[in-house]
Amino acid sequence: MVPMVVVGLSHRTAPVEVRERLALPSDQLSGLLQRMAALPEVGEVLCLSTCNRVEVVATPREPSAPVGDALVRFLDEQARQQSGTSVASHLYVHSNREAAAHLFRVASSLDSIVVGEPQILGQVKDAFEAAQAAGTAGTVLTRVVSRALHAAKRVRSETTIGEGQVSVSSVAVDLAGQIFGTLRGRLG
């Protein structure tokens, strides 16, 4: 069993205005990671913040530490400080094996708005590198994230997941074409 949790919200659990309450500018990420790592329940921690999700992946400092509960409180307090409103009802908590499986799905773009979009793999890698730079990623997160990135690369190279339209904008253009027909000669 992998001792870890994923606490977060995504396009599946929260509308964009709720996700924006937790969105983090990259220049604030190191400080946020340090504050989460200072929580008595938290061992290792990384934060994945994109336009479609904010997720914290963490290990407990002690095996029985309620790290998920601590991070729900922390993230809700962050949202309350930024916007004055709670996000607790939109947060999900995945533990242990379920948390690892979720991270693998996210890194492989199976949990994206457009399945197969390639950006999430780089975003997971960047989140891990930020945690390494902040000193909040240790051996457990290194092992799990490394395996998730490896699995995601295999998914992209051994399946057809990345073929076709793999961004929201390209899907929107295709859909508009299906609904309205060609736009050729209609502009201007």
Protein backbone atom coordinates (compact mmCIF):
# COMPACT_ATOMS: atom_id res chain seq x y z
CA MET A 1 0.00 0.00 0.00
CA VAL A 2 1.29 3.45 -0.96
CA PRO A 3 0.91 5.83 2.01
CA MET A 4 -0.38 8.95 0.26
CA VAL A 5 -3.41 11.13 -0.40
CA VAL A 6 -4.64 13.34 -3.22
CA VAL A 7 -6.82 16.24 -2.10
CA GLY A 8 -8.20 18.60 -4.69
CA LEU A 9 -10.86 19.81 -7.01
CA SER A 10 -11.19 19.62 -10.76
CA HIS A 11 -13.45 20.32 -13.70
CA ARG A 12 -15.41 17.25 -12.57
CA THR A 13 -16.22 18.59 -9.09
CA ALA A 14 -16.17 22.38 -9.34
CA PRO A 15 -17.11 25.08 -11.83
CA VAL A 16 -14.36 27.39 -13.06
CA GLU A 17 -15.24 30.19 -10.61
CA VAL A 18 -14.66 27.77 -7.71
CA ARG A 19 -11.42 26.41 -9.19
CA GLU A 20 -10.17 29.99 -9.54
CA ARG A 21 -10.43 30.45 -5.76
CA LEU A 22 -7.55 28.01 -5.34
CA ALA A 23 -5.56 28.84 -8.48
CA LEU A 24 -1.97 29.55 -7.59
CA PRO A 25 0.44 31.86 -9.35
CA SER A 26 3.69 29.94 -9.89
CA ASP A 27 5.68 32.52 -7.90
CA GLN A 28 3.66 31.60 -4.78
CA LEU A 29 3.95 27.83 -5.15
CA SER A 30 7.16 27.37 -3.17
CA GLY A 31 5.76 29.23 -0.17
CA LEU A 32 2.53 27.26 -0.33
CA LEU A 33 4.43 23.97 -0.46
CA GLN A 34 6.52 25.04 2.54
CA ARG A 35 3.38 25.93 4.54
CA MET A 36 1.75 22.59 3.72
CA ALA A 37 4.94 20.69 4.58
CA ALA A 38 4.98 22.47 7.94
CA LEU A 39 1.61 20.96 8.89
CA PRO A 40 2.19 18.31 11.58
CA GLU A 41 0.33 15.64 9.56
CA VAL A 42 2.19 16.17 6.26
CA GLY A 43 5.39 14.41 5.25
CA GLU A 44 6.04 15.02 1.54
CA VAL A 45 3.88 17.26 -0.65
CA LEU A 46 3.45 18.56 -4.19
CA CYS A 47 0.77 20.75 -5.74
CA LEU A 48 -0.58 20.48 -9.27
CA SER A 49 -2.34 23.72 -10.21
CA THR A 50 -3.78 24.06 -13.72
CA CYS A 51 -6.81 25.79 -15.19
CA ASN A 52 -8.79 22.56 -14.77
CA ARG A 53 -7.60 21.30 -11.40
CA VAL A 54 -5.83 22.09 -8.16
CA GLU A 55 -4.59 18.92 -6.48
CA VAL A 56 -2.28 18.32 -3.58
CA VAL A 57 -0.46 14.99 -3.46
CA ALA A 58 0.99 14.26 -0.04
CA THR A 59 2.31 11.57 2.24
CA PRO A 60 1.58 11.40 5.96
CA ARG A 61 4.34 12.29 8.41
CA GLU A 62 3.23 9.30 10.52
CA PRO A 63 1.27 6.30 9.15
CA SER A 64 -1.90 7.17 11.07
CA ALA A 65 -1.72 10.95 10.58
CA PRO A 66 -4.99 12.39 9.18
CA VAL A 67 -3.19 14.11 6.30
CA GLY A 68 -6.30 14.25 4.09
CA ASP A 69 -8.33 16.09 6.73
CA ALA A 70 -5.45 18.50 7.39
CA LEU A 71 -5.14 19.34 3.69
CA VAL A 72 -8.90 19.81 3.25
CA ARG A 73 -8.80 22.36 6.10
CA PHE A 74 -5.68 24.01 4.65
CA LEU A 75 -7.08 24.34 1.11
CA ASP A 76 -10.43 25.57 2.36
CA GLU A 77 -8.68 28.20 4.47
CA GLN A 78 -6.62 29.26 1.42
CA ALA A 79 -9.83 29.75 -0.57
CA ARG A 80 -11.49 31.66 2.29
CA GLN A 81 -8.49 34.00 2.50
CA GLN A 82 -8.48 34.63 -1.26
CA SER A 83 -12.21 34.91 -1.91
CA GLY A 84 -14.05 34.80 1.40
CA THR A 85 -15.87 31.60 0.45
CA SER A 86 -15.44 27.91 1.17
CA VAL A 87 -14.48 25.25 -1.36
CA ALA A 88 -14.74 22.30 1.04
CA SER A 89 -17.86 20.83 -0.59
CA HIS A 90 -16.02 20.63 -3.93
CA LEU A 91 -12.89 18.90 -2.62
CA TYR A 92 -12.25 15.19 -3.03
CA VAL A 93 -9.85 13.01 -1.08
CA HIS A 94 -8.29 9.87 -2.51
CA SER A 95 -6.16 7.69 -0.23
CA ASN A 96 -3.36 5.20 -0.75
CA ARG A 97 -3.87 2.95 -3.79
CA GLU A 98 -6.80 5.09 -5.00
CA ALA A 99 -4.59 8.20 -4.74
CA ALA A 100 -1.81 6.60 -6.77
CA ALA A 101 -4.31 5.40 -9.41
CA HIS A 102 -5.78 8.91 -9.61
CA LEU A 103 -2.32 10.44 -10.14
CA PHE A 104 -1.65 7.90 -12.92
CA ARG A 105 -4.98 8.78 -14.61
CA VAL A 106 -4.26 12.51 -14.37
CA ALA A 107 -0.69 12.22 -15.70
CA SER A 108 -1.93 10.01 -18.55
CA SER A 109 -4.58 12.58 -19.52
CA LEU A 110 -7.41 10.16 -18.80
CA ASP A 111 -8.99 12.63 -16.37
CA SER A 112 -8.69 15.70 -18.63
CA ILE A 113 -11.56 17.66 -20.17
CA VAL A 114 -10.22 16.49 -23.53
CA VAL A 115 -8.81 12.99 -23.04
CA GLY A 116 -5.38 12.75 -24.61
CA GLU A 117 -4.39 16.40 -24.33
CA PRO A 118 -0.61 16.50 -23.96
CA GLN A 119 -0.13 19.48 -21.60
CA ILE A 120 -0.98 17.65 -18.37
CA LEU A 121 2.09 15.41 -18.55
CA GLY A 122 4.36 18.47 -18.54
CA GLN A 123 2.29 20.09 -15.80
CA VAL A 124 2.67 17.03 -13.54
CA LYS A 125 6.42 17.03 -14.21
CA ASP A 126 6.62 20.77 -13.44
CA ALA A 127 4.66 20.29 -10.19
CA PHE A 128 7.08 17.57 -9.13
CA GLU A 129 10.12 19.69 -10.01
CA ALA A 130 8.67 22.59 -8.00
CA ALA A 131 8.25 20.27 -5.00
CA GLN A 132 11.83 19.05 -5.42
CA ALA A 133 13.08 22.66 -5.58
CA ALA A 134 11.08 23.53 -2.45
CA GLY A 135 12.47 20.46 -0.66
CA THR A 136 9.01 18.94 -0.13
CA ALA A 137 9.34 15.85 -2.37
CA GLY A 138 11.05 12.85 -0.83
CA THR A 139 11.49 9.21 -1.72
CA VAL A 140 7.80 8.23 -1.77
CA LEU A 141 6.65 11.05 -4.06
CA THR A 142 9.73 10.62 -6.22
CA ARG A 143 8.93 6.94 -6.73
CA VAL A 144 5.18 7.44 -7.33
CA VAL A 145 5.54 10.45 -9.65
CA SER A 146 8.32 8.75 -11.60
CA ARG A 147 6.08 5.73 -12.16
CA ALA A 148 3.11 7.94 -13.09
CA LEU A 149 5.20 9.83 -15.66
CA HIS A 150 6.53 6.57 -17.09
CA ALA A 151 3.01 5.14 -17.36
CA ALA A 152 1.75 8.34 -19.01
CA LYS A 153 4.51 8.18 -21.62
CA ARG A 154 3.60 4.55 -22.32
CA VAL A 155 -0.07 5.48 -22.69
CA ARG A 156 0.85 8.14 -25.25
CA SER A 157 3.27 5.93 -27.20
CA GLU A 158 1.39 2.61 -27.09
CA THR A 159 -2.19 3.80 -27.66
CA THR A 160 -4.00 6.18 -29.99
CA ILE A 161 -4.98 8.50 -27.12
CA GLY A 162 -3.10 11.49 -28.53
CA GLU A 163 -4.38 11.20 -32.08
CA GLY A 164 -6.99 13.56 -33.44
CA GLN A 165 -8.24 16.66 -31.66
CA VAL A 166 -6.54 17.00 -28.28
CA SER A 167 -7.40 20.49 -27.07
CA VAL A 168 -10.61 22.19 -26.05
CA SER A 169 -10.19 24.79 -28.80
CA SER A 170 -9.67 22.21 -31.56
CA VAL A 171 -12.70 20.24 -30.36
CA ALA A 172 -14.76 23.48 -30.32
CA VAL A 173 -13.73 24.33 -33.89
CA ASP A 174 -14.64 20.81 -35.04
CA LEU A 175 -18.01 21.00 -33.28
CA ALA A 176 -18.75 24.43 -34.77
CA GLY A 177 -17.97 23.02 -38.21
CA GLN A 178 -20.35 20.12 -37.64
CA ILE A 179 -23.13 22.43 -36.44
CA PHE A 180 -22.70 25.38 -38.82
CA GLY A 181 -20.87 23.84 -41.76
CA THR A 182 -17.79 25.36 -43.27
CA LEU A 183 -16.78 28.88 -42.33
CA ARG A 184 -14.88 29.34 -45.58
CA GLY A 185 -15.95 32.56 -47.27
CA ARG A 186 -18.06 33.66 -44.28
CA LEU A 187 -15.46 35.79 -42.54
CA GLY A 188 -14.87 39.41 -43.30
